[in-house]
Amino acid sequence: MIGTLLDLAIIALLVGAVGFGLVIDRRVKRLTAALRELEPAVQHFSSAVDRSVASVTTLKTETRATQAQPPLRREAAPAPARSTAGLDMTGGTARIEGKADLVRSFFDTMRSREA
């Protein structure tokens, strides 16, 4: 009697294991099919990454080469007289405070270029 119960338990476990194996097999087949469909996209992405790495490398070498060259000397044109009211001239750049000052500065620059 106990032997029969053990045999039935082993058979049930084996059937469950075979069923689980079949489910896993189907999932793995679906996964490999999906990966095959994605392969061209992955290859395209990989080649795009390679091209971008090459571009960044080229830009870095060009930037270093440009920075290594002595700067060109240009005759500086006299700067037009502008009002610096409302401008913060720290750090070599002008920070305009407010939209009105920005628009006024734009039109002042345009007038000085036309003259």
N, C-alpha and C. Protein backbone atom coordinates (compact mmCIF):
# COMPACT_ATOMS: atom_id res chain seq x y z
N MET A 1 0.80 -1.19 0.00
CA MET A 1 0.00 0.00 0.00
C MET A 1 0.85 1.27 0.00
N ILE A 2 1.85 1.32 0.89
CA ILE A 2 2.75 2.48 0.93
C ILE A 2 3.58 2.53 -0.34
N GLY A 3 3.96 1.38 -0.86
CA GLY A 3 4.73 1.33 -2.10
C GLY A 3 3.93 1.90 -3.26
N THR A 4 2.64 1.60 -3.30
CA THR A 4 1.78 2.12 -4.37
C THR A 4 1.63 3.63 -4.26
N LEU A 5 1.49 4.15 -3.04
CA LEU A 5 1.39 5.60 -2.84
C LEU A 5 2.68 6.31 -3.25
N LEU A 6 3.80 5.70 -2.92
CA LEU A 6 5.08 6.29 -3.33
C LEU A 6 5.22 6.27 -4.85
N ASP A 7 4.81 5.17 -5.46
CA ASP A 7 4.88 5.10 -6.92
C ASP A 7 4.01 6.17 -7.57
N LEU A 8 2.80 6.36 -7.03
CA LEU A 8 1.90 7.39 -7.57
C LEU A 8 2.46 8.79 -7.37
N ALA A 9 3.08 9.02 -6.22
CA ALA A 9 3.70 10.33 -5.96
C ALA A 9 4.84 10.59 -6.93
N ILE A 10 5.67 9.58 -7.17
CA ILE A 10 6.79 9.73 -8.11
C ILE A 10 6.27 9.97 -9.52
N ILE A 11 5.22 9.25 -9.92
CA ILE A 11 4.64 9.43 -11.26
C ILE A 11 4.07 10.85 -11.40
N ALA A 12 3.40 11.34 -10.37
CA ALA A 12 2.83 12.70 -10.41
C ALA A 12 3.94 13.74 -10.53
N LEU A 13 5.00 13.55 -9.76
CA LEU A 13 6.13 14.49 -9.84
C LEU A 13 6.80 14.44 -11.21
N LEU A 14 6.94 13.25 -11.77
CA LEU A 14 7.54 13.14 -13.10
C LEU A 14 6.67 13.80 -14.17
N VAL A 15 5.36 13.61 -14.09
CA VAL A 15 4.45 14.25 -15.04
C VAL A 15 4.54 15.77 -14.90
N GLY A 16 4.59 16.26 -13.67
CA GLY A 16 4.74 17.70 -13.44
C GLY A 16 6.05 18.23 -14.00
N ALA A 17 7.13 17.48 -13.82
CA ALA A 17 8.44 17.92 -14.32
C ALA A 17 8.44 17.94 -15.85
N VAL A 18 7.84 16.92 -16.47
CA VAL A 18 7.77 16.90 -17.94
C VAL A 18 6.92 18.06 -18.44
N GLY A 19 5.78 18.32 -17.78
CA GLY A 19 4.93 19.45 -18.16
C GLY A 19 5.66 20.77 -18.02
N PHE A 20 6.37 20.94 -16.92
CA PHE A 20 7.14 22.17 -16.71
C PHE A 20 8.24 22.31 -17.77
N GLY A 21 8.88 21.20 -18.13
CA GLY A 21 9.90 21.22 -19.18
C GLY A 21 9.32 21.65 -20.51
N LEU A 22 8.11 21.18 -20.83
CA LEU A 22 7.46 21.59 -22.08
C LEU A 22 7.14 23.08 -22.10
N VAL A 23 6.65 23.60 -20.98
CA VAL A 23 6.35 25.03 -20.88
C VAL A 23 7.62 25.86 -21.06
N ILE A 24 8.68 25.46 -20.39
CA ILE A 24 9.96 26.17 -20.52
C ILE A 24 10.48 26.08 -21.95
N ASP A 25 10.34 24.92 -22.59
CA ASP A 25 10.79 24.75 -23.97
C ASP A 25 10.06 25.73 -24.90
N ARG A 26 8.75 25.88 -24.74
CA ARG A 26 7.99 26.81 -25.58
C ARG A 26 8.43 28.25 -25.36
N ARG A 27 8.66 28.60 -24.11
CA ARG A 27 9.10 29.97 -23.80
C ARG A 27 10.47 30.26 -24.39
N VAL A 28 11.37 29.30 -24.32
CA VAL A 28 12.71 29.49 -24.88
C VAL A 28 12.63 29.63 -26.40
N LYS A 29 11.76 28.84 -27.05
CA LYS A 29 11.60 28.96 -28.49
C LYS A 29 11.06 30.33 -28.88
N ARG A 30 10.08 30.84 -28.12
CA ARG A 30 9.56 32.18 -28.40
C ARG A 30 10.63 33.24 -28.19
N LEU A 31 11.45 33.08 -27.17
CA LEU A 31 12.51 34.04 -26.89
C LEU A 31 13.54 34.05 -28.01
N THR A 32 13.96 32.88 -28.49
CA THR A 32 14.94 32.84 -29.57
C THR A 32 14.36 33.41 -30.85
N ALA A 33 13.05 33.20 -31.11
CA ALA A 33 12.43 33.79 -32.29
C ALA A 33 12.42 35.31 -32.19
N ALA A 34 12.12 35.83 -31.01
CA ALA A 34 12.12 37.28 -30.81
C ALA A 34 13.53 37.84 -30.97
N LEU A 35 14.52 37.12 -30.48
CA LEU A 35 15.90 37.59 -30.62
C LEU A 35 16.34 37.58 -32.08
N ARG A 36 15.89 36.60 -32.85
CA ARG A 36 16.21 36.57 -34.28
C ARG A 36 15.59 37.77 -34.99
N GLU A 37 14.37 38.15 -34.58
CA GLU A 37 13.72 39.32 -35.18
C GLU A 37 14.44 40.61 -34.81
N LEU A 38 15.01 40.67 -33.62
CA LEU A 38 15.71 41.86 -33.16
C LEU A 38 17.15 41.96 -33.68
N GLU A 39 17.67 40.90 -34.23
CA GLU A 39 19.07 40.89 -34.64
C GLU A 39 19.42 42.01 -35.61
N PRO A 40 18.64 42.30 -36.67
CA PRO A 40 19.00 43.41 -37.55
C PRO A 40 19.01 44.76 -36.82
N ALA A 41 18.05 44.96 -35.92
CA ALA A 41 18.03 46.23 -35.17
C ALA A 41 19.25 46.35 -34.27
N VAL A 42 19.63 45.25 -33.64
CA VAL A 42 20.80 45.27 -32.77
C VAL A 42 22.07 45.52 -33.58
N GLN A 43 22.18 44.91 -34.74
CA GLN A 43 23.34 45.14 -35.59
C GLN A 43 23.39 46.59 -36.07
N HIS A 44 22.22 47.14 -36.44
CA HIS A 44 22.16 48.54 -36.87
C HIS A 44 22.56 49.46 -35.72
N PHE A 45 22.06 49.18 -34.53
CA PHE A 45 22.43 49.98 -33.36
C PHE A 45 23.92 49.87 -33.08
N SER A 46 24.46 48.68 -33.20
CA SER A 46 25.88 48.48 -32.95
C SER A 46 26.73 49.27 -33.94
N SER A 47 26.35 49.26 -35.20
CA SER A 47 27.12 50.02 -36.19
C SER A 47 26.97 51.51 -35.96
N ALA A 48 25.78 51.96 -35.51
CA ALA A 48 25.59 53.38 -35.20
C ALA A 48 26.47 53.80 -34.02
N VAL A 49 26.58 52.93 -33.03
CA VAL A 49 27.45 53.22 -31.88
C VAL A 49 28.90 53.30 -32.33
N ASP A 50 29.31 52.39 -33.21
CA ASP A 50 30.69 52.42 -33.71
C ASP A 50 30.95 53.72 -34.47
N ARG A 51 29.99 54.14 -35.30
CA ARG A 51 30.16 55.40 -36.05
C ARG A 51 30.21 56.59 -35.11
N SER A 52 29.39 56.59 -34.07
CA SER A 52 29.40 57.72 -33.14
C SER A 52 30.70 57.76 -32.35
N VAL A 53 31.23 56.60 -31.98
CA VAL A 53 32.51 56.58 -31.28
C VAL A 53 33.62 57.12 -32.18
N ALA A 54 33.58 56.74 -33.45
CA ALA A 54 34.57 57.25 -34.40
C ALA A 54 34.43 58.75 -34.57
N SER A 55 33.19 59.25 -34.62
CA SER A 55 32.97 60.69 -34.77
C SER A 55 33.47 61.45 -33.55
N VAL A 56 33.20 60.92 -32.37
CA VAL A 56 33.66 61.59 -31.15
C VAL A 56 35.19 61.61 -31.11
N THR A 57 35.79 60.52 -31.49
CA THR A 57 37.25 60.46 -31.51
C THR A 57 37.82 61.49 -32.49
N THR A 58 37.22 61.57 -33.67
CA THR A 58 37.66 62.55 -34.67
C THR A 58 37.48 63.97 -34.16
N LEU A 59 36.33 64.24 -33.53
CA LEU A 59 36.11 65.58 -32.98
C LEU A 59 37.12 65.92 -31.90
N LYS A 60 37.45 64.95 -31.05
CA LYS A 60 38.43 65.20 -30.00
C LYS A 60 39.80 65.52 -30.59
N THR A 61 40.22 64.73 -31.60
CA THR A 61 41.54 64.99 -32.19
C THR A 61 41.55 66.33 -32.93
N GLU A 62 40.45 66.66 -33.61
CA GLU A 62 40.39 67.96 -34.30
C GLU A 62 40.40 69.10 -33.30
N THR A 63 39.70 68.93 -32.19
CA THR A 63 39.68 69.97 -31.16
C THR A 63 41.06 70.16 -30.57
N ARG A 64 41.73 69.06 -30.28
CA ARG A 64 43.09 69.18 -29.73
C ARG A 64 44.03 69.83 -30.73
N ALA A 65 43.89 69.46 -32.01
CA ALA A 65 44.74 70.06 -33.03
C ALA A 65 44.46 71.54 -33.16
N THR A 66 43.20 71.93 -33.08
CA THR A 66 42.84 73.34 -33.19
C THR A 66 43.32 74.11 -31.98
N GLN A 67 43.22 73.52 -30.79
CA GLN A 67 43.68 74.21 -29.59
C GLN A 67 45.20 74.32 -29.55
N ALA A 68 45.89 73.41 -30.20
CA ALA A 68 47.34 73.43 -30.20
C ALA A 68 47.88 74.51 -31.13
N GLN A 69 47.11 74.89 -32.14
CA GLN A 69 47.55 75.92 -33.08
C GLN A 69 47.46 77.28 -32.40
N PRO A 70 48.40 78.18 -32.75
CA PRO A 70 48.30 79.53 -32.18
C PRO A 70 47.07 80.23 -32.74
N PRO A 71 46.42 81.05 -31.93
CA PRO A 71 45.21 81.73 -32.41
C PRO A 71 45.55 82.74 -33.50
N LEU A 72 44.63 82.90 -34.42
CA LEU A 72 44.81 83.88 -35.48
C LEU A 72 44.65 85.28 -34.90
N ARG A 73 45.51 86.17 -35.35
CA ARG A 73 45.41 87.55 -34.86
C ARG A 73 44.55 88.33 -35.84
N ARG A 74 43.55 88.94 -35.29
CA ARG A 74 42.66 89.76 -36.09
C ARG A 74 42.69 91.17 -35.54
N GLU A 75 42.53 92.11 -36.44
CA GLU A 75 42.42 93.50 -36.02
C GLU A 75 41.05 93.66 -35.38
N ALA A 76 41.03 94.05 -34.17
CA ALA A 76 39.76 94.21 -33.48
C ALA A 76 39.10 95.50 -33.89
N ALA A 77 37.87 95.42 -34.32
CA ALA A 77 37.10 96.61 -34.67
C ALA A 77 36.69 97.29 -33.39
N PRO A 78 36.63 98.61 -33.42
CA PRO A 78 36.22 99.30 -32.19
C PRO A 78 34.79 98.89 -31.83
N ALA A 79 34.61 98.59 -30.59
CA ALA A 79 33.29 98.15 -30.13
C ALA A 79 32.36 99.34 -30.05
N PRO A 80 31.13 99.16 -30.51
CA PRO A 80 30.18 100.27 -30.42
C PRO A 80 29.87 100.56 -28.95
N ALA A 81 29.64 101.83 -28.70
CA ALA A 81 29.33 102.24 -27.34
C ALA A 81 27.93 101.76 -26.99
N ARG A 82 27.86 100.98 -25.93
CA ARG A 82 26.57 100.47 -25.46
C ARG A 82 26.42 100.75 -23.99
N SER A 83 25.22 100.82 -23.60
CA SER A 83 24.94 101.00 -22.19
C SER A 83 25.11 99.66 -21.48
N THR A 84 25.82 99.67 -20.38
CA THR A 84 25.99 98.43 -19.62
C THR A 84 25.08 98.39 -18.42
N ALA A 85 24.10 99.27 -18.40
CA ALA A 85 23.15 99.26 -17.28
C ALA A 85 22.34 97.98 -17.34
N GLY A 86 22.22 97.31 -16.25
CA GLY A 86 21.45 96.07 -16.19
C GLY A 86 22.22 94.85 -16.63
N LEU A 87 23.53 95.01 -16.95
CA LEU A 87 24.34 93.88 -17.38
C LEU A 87 25.29 93.49 -16.27
N ASP A 88 25.47 92.23 -16.08
CA ASP A 88 26.42 91.70 -15.11
C ASP A 88 27.60 91.19 -15.92
N MET A 89 28.74 91.87 -15.87
CA MET A 89 29.88 91.56 -16.72
C MET A 89 30.91 90.69 -16.00
N THR A 90 30.51 89.77 -15.18
CA THR A 90 31.45 88.90 -14.48
C THR A 90 31.83 87.72 -15.35
N GLY A 91 33.05 87.30 -15.26
CA GLY A 91 33.50 86.11 -15.96
C GLY A 91 33.65 86.29 -17.46
N GLY A 92 33.71 87.54 -17.95
CA GLY A 92 33.91 87.78 -19.37
C GLY A 92 32.66 87.63 -20.20
N THR A 93 31.53 87.39 -19.57
CA THR A 93 30.27 87.28 -20.30
C THR A 93 29.26 88.23 -19.70
N ALA A 94 28.34 88.67 -20.53
CA ALA A 94 27.32 89.58 -20.07
C ALA A 94 26.05 88.79 -19.77
N ARG A 95 25.54 88.98 -18.60
CA ARG A 95 24.28 88.34 -18.25
C ARG A 95 23.21 89.43 -18.18
N ILE A 96 22.23 89.31 -19.02
CA ILE A 96 21.18 90.32 -19.10
C ILE A 96 20.07 89.92 -18.15
N GLU A 97 19.63 90.86 -17.38
CA GLU A 97 18.58 90.57 -16.41
C GLU A 97 17.26 91.13 -16.92
N GLY A 98 16.37 90.26 -17.29
CA GLY A 98 15.05 90.68 -17.72
C GLY A 98 14.89 90.64 -19.23
N LYS A 99 13.67 90.39 -19.67
CA LYS A 99 13.42 90.31 -21.10
C LYS A 99 13.55 91.66 -21.78
N ALA A 100 13.14 92.72 -21.11
CA ALA A 100 13.20 94.06 -21.72
C ALA A 100 14.64 94.41 -22.05
N ASP A 101 15.55 94.11 -21.12
CA ASP A 101 16.97 94.39 -21.38
C ASP A 101 17.50 93.53 -22.52
N LEU A 102 17.03 92.28 -22.60
CA LEU A 102 17.46 91.39 -23.68
C LEU A 102 17.01 91.93 -25.03
N VAL A 103 15.75 92.35 -25.12
CA VAL A 103 15.24 92.90 -26.38
C VAL A 103 15.95 94.20 -26.73
N ARG A 104 16.14 95.06 -25.75
CA ARG A 104 16.84 96.33 -25.99
C ARG A 104 18.27 96.08 -26.47
N SER A 105 18.96 95.12 -25.86
CA SER A 105 20.31 94.78 -26.27
C SER A 105 20.34 94.24 -27.69
N PHE A 106 19.35 93.41 -28.05
CA PHE A 106 19.26 92.88 -29.41
C PHE A 106 19.12 94.02 -30.42
N PHE A 107 18.22 94.96 -30.17
CA PHE A 107 18.02 96.04 -31.13
C PHE A 107 19.22 96.98 -31.17
N ASP A 108 19.89 97.19 -30.02
CA ASP A 108 21.12 97.99 -30.03
C ASP A 108 22.18 97.32 -30.90
N THR A 109 22.31 96.03 -30.79
CA THR A 109 23.29 95.27 -31.60
C THR A 109 22.93 95.35 -33.08
N MET A 110 21.66 95.24 -33.42
CA MET A 110 21.24 95.31 -34.81
C MET A 110 21.50 96.69 -35.39
N ARG A 111 21.22 97.74 -34.62
CA ARG A 111 21.48 99.10 -35.10
C ARG A 111 22.96 99.34 -35.31
N SER A 112 23.80 98.80 -34.42
CA SER A 112 25.25 99.01 -34.57
C SER A 112 25.79 98.25 -35.77
N ARG A 113 25.19 97.12 -36.12
CA ARG A 113 25.63 96.38 -37.30
C ARG A 113 25.20 97.05 -38.58
N GLU A 114 24.05 97.73 -38.57
CA GLU A 114 23.57 98.41 -39.77
C GLU A 114 24.36 99.67 -40.05
N ALA A 115 24.89 100.29 -39.00
CA ALA A 115 25.61 101.55 -39.16
C ALA A 115 26.97 101.37 -39.76
